[in-house]
N, C-alpha and C. Protein backbone atom coordinates (compact mmCIF):
# COMPACT_ATOMS: atom_id res chain seq x y z
N GLU A 1 72.84 19.97 11.60
CA GLU A 1 72.50 19.03 11.41
C GLU A 1 72.36 18.02 12.55
N VAL A 2 71.62 16.64 11.92
CA VAL A 2 71.26 15.84 13.03
C VAL A 2 72.17 15.24 13.42
N GLN A 3 72.53 14.90 15.16
CA GLN A 3 73.64 14.12 15.52
C GLN A 3 73.21 13.30 16.89
N LEU A 4 73.48 12.17 16.98
CA LEU A 4 73.25 10.97 17.90
C LEU A 4 74.25 10.47 18.28
N VAL A 5 75.01 10.54 19.58
CA VAL A 5 76.17 10.08 20.23
C VAL A 5 75.89 9.53 21.51
N GLU A 6 76.40 7.77 21.02
CA GLU A 6 76.15 6.96 22.33
C GLU A 6 77.29 7.10 22.86
N SER A 7 77.19 6.74 24.46
CA SER A 7 78.25 6.70 25.31
C SER A 7 77.71 5.29 26.06
N GLY A 8 78.66 4.74 27.02
CA GLY A 8 78.56 4.43 27.83
C GLY A 8 78.53 2.82 28.07
N GLY A 9 79.28 2.52 27.03
CA GLY A 9 79.32 1.17 26.55
C GLY A 9 80.80 0.66 27.19
N GLY A 10 80.95 -0.81 27.33
CA GLY A 10 82.13 -1.46 27.86
C GLY A 10 82.15 -2.64 28.05
N LEU A 11 82.90 -3.58 28.99
CA LEU A 11 83.01 -4.49 29.44
C LEU A 11 82.28 -4.96 30.82
N VAL A 12 81.34 -5.99 30.53
CA VAL A 12 80.51 -5.89 32.22
C VAL A 12 80.45 -7.77 32.23
N GLN A 13 80.55 -8.28 33.39
CA GLN A 13 80.21 -9.49 33.79
C GLN A 13 78.69 -10.05 33.45
N PRO A 14 78.76 -11.12 33.25
CA PRO A 14 77.08 -11.52 33.10
C PRO A 14 76.51 -11.60 34.37
N GLY A 15 75.16 -11.02 34.39
CA GLY A 15 74.59 -10.50 35.65
C GLY A 15 74.40 -8.96 35.81
N GLY A 16 75.64 -8.23 35.35
CA GLY A 16 75.94 -7.12 35.50
C GLY A 16 75.07 -5.99 35.02
N SER A 17 75.16 -4.63 34.96
CA SER A 17 74.61 -3.69 34.48
C SER A 17 75.24 -2.57 34.12
N LEU A 18 74.60 -2.01 32.87
CA LEU A 18 75.15 -0.47 32.26
C LEU A 18 73.82 0.25 31.60
N ARG A 19 74.18 1.82 31.72
CA ARG A 19 73.22 2.43 31.28
C ARG A 19 73.98 3.45 30.03
N LEU A 20 73.28 3.28 29.15
CA LEU A 20 74.18 3.59 27.82
C LEU A 20 72.94 5.52 27.76
N PRO A 21 73.71 6.28 27.29
CA PRO A 21 72.92 7.47 27.00
C PRO A 21 73.49 7.83 25.85
N CYS A 22 72.10 8.59 25.06
CA CYS A 22 72.35 8.90 23.47
C CYS A 22 72.06 10.13 23.41
N ALA A 23 73.19 11.28 23.19
CA ALA A 23 72.84 12.45 23.42
C ALA A 23 72.46 13.01 21.82
N ALA A 24 71.41 13.83 21.86
CA ALA A 24 70.52 13.67 20.38
C ALA A 24 70.94 15.95 20.32
N SER A 25 71.00 15.99 19.01
CA SER A 25 71.19 17.56 19.04
C SER A 25 70.92 17.61 17.39
N GLY A 26 70.75 18.93 17.07
CA GLY A 26 70.13 19.32 15.71
C GLY A 26 68.83 19.02 14.69
N PHE A 27 67.92 18.90 16.30
CA PHE A 27 66.63 18.66 15.69
C PHE A 27 65.79 18.72 17.17
N THR A 28 64.41 18.72 16.96
CA THR A 28 63.83 18.87 18.20
C THR A 28 63.27 17.67 18.54
N PHE A 29 64.42 17.10 19.84
CA PHE A 29 64.24 16.10 20.16
C PHE A 29 63.03 15.63 20.74
N SER A 30 62.16 16.30 21.31
CA SER A 30 61.00 15.98 22.08
C SER A 30 59.82 15.64 21.50
N MET A 31 60.13 16.16 20.16
CA MET A 31 58.85 15.89 18.97
C MET A 31 59.13 14.21 18.19
N TYR A 32 60.11 13.35 18.49
CA TYR A 32 60.72 12.59 17.84
C TYR A 32 60.26 11.17 18.55
N ALA A 33 59.93 9.96 18.07
CA ALA A 33 60.01 8.51 19.05
C ALA A 33 62.00 8.36 18.90
N MET A 34 61.97 7.36 19.54
CA MET A 34 63.61 7.04 19.32
C MET A 34 63.45 5.52 19.61
N ASP A 35 64.61 4.92 18.99
CA ASP A 35 64.98 3.54 19.00
C ASP A 35 66.16 3.02 19.54
N TRP A 36 66.19 1.68 20.07
CA TRP A 36 67.69 1.39 20.06
C TRP A 36 67.71 0.14 19.49
N VAL A 37 68.63 -0.01 18.54
CA VAL A 37 68.80 -1.17 17.83
C VAL A 37 70.43 -1.61 18.10
N ARG A 38 70.64 -3.15 17.93
CA ARG A 38 72.08 -3.58 17.98
C ARG A 38 72.41 -4.31 17.17
N GLN A 39 73.66 -4.87 16.89
CA GLN A 39 74.45 -5.71 16.10
C GLN A 39 75.37 -6.43 16.86
N ALA A 40 75.06 -7.85 17.00
CA ALA A 40 75.50 -8.52 17.60
C ALA A 40 76.89 -9.11 16.48
N PRO A 41 78.11 -9.47 17.14
CA PRO A 41 79.31 -10.10 15.96
C PRO A 41 78.82 -10.73 15.01
N GLY A 42 78.85 -10.75 13.77
CA GLY A 42 78.54 -11.54 12.69
C GLY A 42 77.09 -11.62 12.33
N LYS A 43 76.06 -10.74 13.04
CA LYS A 43 74.88 -10.90 12.79
C LYS A 43 74.36 -9.69 12.28
N GLY A 44 73.04 -9.96 12.02
CA GLY A 44 72.26 -8.59 11.52
C GLY A 44 71.73 -8.06 12.44
N PHE A 45 70.92 -6.34 12.30
CA PHE A 45 70.39 -5.51 13.21
C PHE A 45 69.23 -6.26 13.70
N GLU A 46 69.28 -6.00 15.18
CA GLU A 46 68.26 -6.23 16.06
C GLU A 46 67.57 -5.11 16.55
N TRP A 47 66.26 -4.91 16.20
CA TRP A 47 65.81 -3.86 17.09
C TRP A 47 65.46 -4.56 18.76
N VAL A 48 65.96 -3.48 19.63
CA VAL A 48 65.80 -3.72 20.72
C VAL A 48 64.33 -3.13 21.56
N SER A 49 64.43 -1.62 21.50
CA SER A 49 63.43 -1.14 22.28
C SER A 49 63.13 0.48 21.35
N SER A 50 61.90 0.63 21.72
CA SER A 50 61.66 2.20 21.49
C SER A 50 60.48 2.99 22.43
N ILE A 51 60.50 4.22 21.91
CA ILE A 51 59.78 5.00 23.08
C ILE A 51 59.39 6.21 22.61
N ASN A 52 58.29 6.66 22.82
CA ASN A 52 57.67 7.42 21.99
C ASN A 52 58.12 8.90 22.21
N TYR A 53 57.57 9.79 21.78
CA TYR A 53 57.95 11.12 21.71
C TYR A 53 57.96 12.06 23.31
N SER A 54 56.72 11.36 23.76
CA SER A 54 56.96 11.74 25.39
C SER A 54 57.36 11.06 26.34
N GLY A 55 57.60 9.82 25.83
CA GLY A 55 58.15 9.10 26.96
C GLY A 55 57.43 7.98 27.73
N ASP A 56 56.20 7.99 27.42
CA ASP A 56 55.06 7.34 28.26
C ASP A 56 54.75 6.16 27.61
N ARG A 57 55.01 5.44 26.49
CA ARG A 57 54.80 4.33 26.11
C ARG A 57 56.23 4.01 25.33
N PRO A 58 56.97 2.91 26.40
CA PRO A 58 58.07 2.26 25.92
C PRO A 58 57.56 1.08 25.14
N ASP A 59 58.27 0.39 24.58
CA ASP A 59 58.24 -0.96 24.27
C ASP A 59 59.81 -1.64 24.04
N TYR A 60 59.32 -3.10 24.01
CA TYR A 60 60.81 -3.92 23.88
C TYR A 60 60.76 -5.07 23.40
N ALA A 61 61.72 -5.60 22.61
CA ALA A 61 62.21 -6.83 21.66
C ALA A 61 61.94 -7.91 22.98
N GLU A 62 61.16 -9.26 22.70
CA GLU A 62 61.12 -10.19 23.81
C GLU A 62 62.46 -10.82 24.34
N SER A 63 63.49 -10.43 23.49
CA SER A 63 64.69 -10.71 24.20
C SER A 63 65.49 -9.96 25.24
N VAL A 64 64.98 -8.79 25.46
CA VAL A 64 65.20 -8.01 26.61
C VAL A 64 64.10 -7.40 27.42
N LYS A 65 62.99 -7.98 27.22
CA LYS A 65 61.79 -7.40 28.20
C LYS A 65 62.17 -7.93 29.68
N GLY A 66 61.66 -7.40 30.56
CA GLY A 66 61.95 -7.27 31.76
C GLY A 66 63.34 -7.19 32.52
N ARG A 67 64.18 -7.01 31.48
CA ARG A 67 65.68 -6.61 32.12
C ARG A 67 66.63 -5.24 31.27
N PHE A 68 65.66 -4.73 30.53
CA PHE A 68 66.33 -3.49 29.72
C PHE A 68 65.01 -2.55 30.07
N THR A 69 65.42 -1.04 30.14
CA THR A 69 64.35 -0.11 30.34
C THR A 69 64.73 1.22 29.57
N VAL A 70 64.18 1.59 28.92
CA VAL A 70 64.22 2.87 27.75
C VAL A 70 63.60 3.77 28.49
N SER A 71 64.11 5.33 28.75
CA SER A 71 63.90 6.32 28.98
C SER A 71 64.33 7.53 28.37
N ARG A 72 63.61 8.84 28.46
CA ARG A 72 64.35 10.01 27.72
C ARG A 72 64.12 11.22 29.00
N ASP A 73 65.04 12.00 28.47
CA ASP A 73 64.89 13.54 29.23
C ASP A 73 64.89 14.11 28.27
N ASN A 74 63.65 14.83 27.73
CA ASN A 74 63.30 15.54 26.68
C ASN A 74 64.30 16.97 26.95
N ALA A 75 64.10 17.47 28.12
CA ALA A 75 64.98 18.58 28.66
C ALA A 75 66.28 18.72 28.57
N LYS A 76 66.88 17.49 28.34
CA LYS A 76 68.47 17.49 28.38
C LYS A 76 68.26 16.61 26.95
N ASN A 77 67.21 16.43 26.23
CA ASN A 77 68.04 15.98 24.80
C ASN A 77 68.72 14.48 24.70
N THR A 78 68.52 13.69 25.60
CA THR A 78 68.99 12.48 25.76
C THR A 78 68.01 11.48 26.28
N LEU A 79 68.53 10.20 25.31
CA LEU A 79 67.64 8.99 25.53
C LEU A 79 68.56 8.00 26.06
N TYR A 80 67.79 7.49 27.10
CA TYR A 80 68.81 6.21 27.65
C TYR A 80 68.13 4.66 27.64
N LEU A 81 69.29 3.89 27.93
CA LEU A 81 69.02 2.53 27.86
C LEU A 81 69.65 1.95 29.16
N GLN A 82 68.68 1.58 30.19
CA GLN A 82 69.37 1.11 31.28
C GLN A 82 69.17 -0.61 31.19
N MET A 83 70.24 -1.22 31.28
CA MET A 83 70.31 -2.75 30.76
C MET A 83 71.04 -3.52 31.95
N ASP A 84 70.06 -4.13 32.64
CA ASP A 84 70.37 -5.07 33.67
C ASP A 84 70.47 -6.45 33.63
N SER A 85 71.07 -6.91 34.71
CA SER A 85 70.96 -8.82 34.53
C SER A 85 71.35 -9.12 32.83
N LEU A 86 72.46 -8.62 32.68
CA LEU A 86 73.07 -8.60 31.09
C LEU A 86 73.63 -10.19 31.28
N LYS A 87 73.53 -10.86 29.95
CA LYS A 87 73.70 -12.02 29.50
C LYS A 87 74.69 -11.79 28.48
N PRO A 88 75.28 -12.86 28.11
CA PRO A 88 76.64 -13.05 27.15
C PRO A 88 75.99 -12.56 25.72
N GLU A 89 74.65 -13.16 25.43
CA GLU A 89 74.22 -12.68 23.80
C GLU A 89 73.77 -11.36 24.18
N ASP A 90 73.98 -10.46 24.97
CA ASP A 90 73.46 -9.22 24.98
C ASP A 90 74.97 -8.40 24.25
N THR A 91 75.78 -9.47 24.18
CA THR A 91 77.22 -8.95 23.74
C THR A 91 76.70 -8.02 22.32
N ALA A 92 76.89 -6.74 21.69
CA ALA A 92 76.81 -6.29 20.41
C ALA A 92 77.23 -4.54 20.32
N VAL A 93 77.23 -3.94 19.31
CA VAL A 93 77.48 -2.66 19.19
C VAL A 93 75.79 -2.12 19.17
N TYR A 94 75.69 -1.30 20.16
CA TYR A 94 74.09 -0.72 20.20
C TYR A 94 74.24 0.69 19.86
N PHE A 95 73.10 0.91 19.04
CA PHE A 95 72.96 2.25 18.42
C PHE A 95 71.57 2.74 18.64
N CYS A 96 71.37 4.15 18.64
CA CYS A 96 70.01 4.72 19.24
C CYS A 96 69.73 5.72 17.50
N THR A 97 68.51 5.52 17.42
CA THR A 97 68.11 5.96 15.82
C THR A 97 66.87 6.53 15.73
N THR A 98 66.71 7.29 14.86
CA THR A 98 65.41 8.20 14.66
C THR A 98 64.97 7.98 13.48
N ASN A 99 63.69 8.32 12.89
CA ASN A 99 63.53 8.49 11.63
C ASN A 99 62.85 10.44 12.00
N ILE A 100 63.38 11.17 10.74
CA ILE A 100 62.85 12.35 10.99
C ILE A 100 62.39 12.67 9.51
N LEU A 101 61.34 12.94 8.92
CA LEU A 101 60.63 13.34 7.60
C LEU A 101 61.01 12.14 6.95
N THR A 102 60.76 10.62 7.34
CA THR A 102 61.13 9.39 6.77
C THR A 102 62.65 9.09 6.58
N ARG A 103 63.61 9.73 7.10
CA ARG A 103 64.98 9.68 6.66
C ARG A 103 65.47 9.30 8.06
N PRO A 104 66.10 8.03 7.69
CA PRO A 104 66.68 7.20 9.29
C PRO A 104 68.08 8.20 9.40
N TYR A 105 68.05 8.77 11.19
CA TYR A 105 69.45 9.03 11.40
C TYR A 105 70.31 7.82 12.51
N TRP A 106 71.29 7.55 12.53
CA TRP A 106 71.76 6.62 13.47
C TRP A 106 73.48 7.08 13.69
N GLY A 107 73.28 6.82 15.27
CA GLY A 107 74.63 7.21 15.71
C GLY A 107 75.45 6.20 15.49
N GLN A 108 76.99 6.90 16.23
CA GLN A 108 78.17 5.84 15.95
C GLN A 108 78.21 4.58 16.21
N GLY A 109 77.46 4.23 17.51
CA GLY A 109 77.15 3.03 18.37
C GLY A 109 78.18 3.26 19.27
N THR A 110 77.99 2.08 20.31
CA THR A 110 78.99 1.85 21.56
C THR A 110 79.16 0.31 21.48
N GLN A 111 79.96 0.04 22.01
CA GLN A 111 80.21 -1.25 22.04
C GLN A 111 79.71 -1.90 23.50
N VAL A 112 78.98 -2.91 23.85
CA VAL A 112 78.81 -3.51 25.04
C VAL A 112 79.16 -5.17 24.93
N THR A 113 80.07 -5.42 25.73
CA THR A 113 80.73 -6.85 25.75
C THR A 113 80.22 -7.57 27.38
N VAL A 114 79.61 -8.41 27.45
CA VAL A 114 79.21 -9.38 28.42
C VAL A 114 79.81 -10.53 28.53
N SER A 115 81.16 -10.41 29.43
CA SER A 115 81.71 -11.78 29.36
C SER A 115 82.48 -11.85 30.73
N SER A 116 82.40 -13.01 31.46
CA SER A 116 83.38 -13.26 32.48
C SER A 116 84.82 -13.35 32.36
């Protein structure tokens, strides 16, 4: 069974940092690209970042470029999102996702709140 479990969310002040891990299981993690997607209160889903299977091709939405860093540890089956210089508009539930044989899989999400 494919499982994606995010953690690391919480309340942080503007300008602060958080690191979100996503633990993957039930599939060969090192073979698949991964994405981070977020949903702000009352809004739709927004793609945040992606990374290819080997981790050498990250990509970012313009809204987070230069502030967020995506990475992966294929030996630990874990995806990461390092979030720096956080802004109140980064407040959202953050999900890690992947597609396996055209089927999408999502974690349960982790809440990130940026507020003073």
